[in-house]
Amino acid sequence: MRKALRVLHDEHRTLTGLLRAILAVLAESRERGTAPDFALLRAMLFYVAEFPEKRHHRHESDLVFPKLRALSPGTRGLLDRLDEDHRRGDAKIRELEHALTAFELLGAARRDVFEDAARRYVDFHLAHIALEEREILPLAESTLGAEDWDEIEQVMAHDPDPLVETGSDPDYRRLFGAIAFAARPGNSLIDARFPVAAP
């Protein structure tokens, strides 16, 4: 498997684990009757906004999808749908961050609003990832040639995801290491990033 394709799979796996961890943090705090760890939730949402939304999606929409459109015209409708998901993602994460701030500052009255928004956001992303894993990445693997992958890998090498690529920005790695450390066993990115079943 080409490195770029493996990285895209790994980024999906990492994001899936993190999204599930967000819901686990919320479920645990509700069961305990306490407020969730707001700093941890903010760090998680920051990661989603900083990497999957800005980098991972750009790699797909700007690098992989145009090549698939050219080589496999029958995929255009599906790729247009996925591109629209990518365009909507930034606004969705900003709305979720706003709902978290409201919950933190205004208290329990805003808890249900944030939890509902978080579940919708997670469902949206998990469905999107599943579609790419089922339809698009296998097609890219069988359709794109060596020159295509070489070009994609050259671009992707310049802005790796710090939870996937070990040589990436140390400041980000420290931050996301703190996310993994702060999330308690059963909720941690360490546990969630390596699920028994694929996303």
Foldseek 3Di string as FASTA:
>chain_A
DFPVLVQLQLVLLLLLLLLVLLLVQLVVCVVVVHDGPLVLVVLSLCLCLVDCLPPSLCLCLVQQVVVCCVQPVVCVVVSVVLNVLSVCLNVLSVVLVVLSVCCVPVHPVSSVVNSVSSVVSSVSSVVSSVCCVVPPSVCSVVTDDPVSSVVSVVVQVVAGRVVRDVPDDVVSVVSLVVSQVPRDPVSGSVDSSDDPDRD
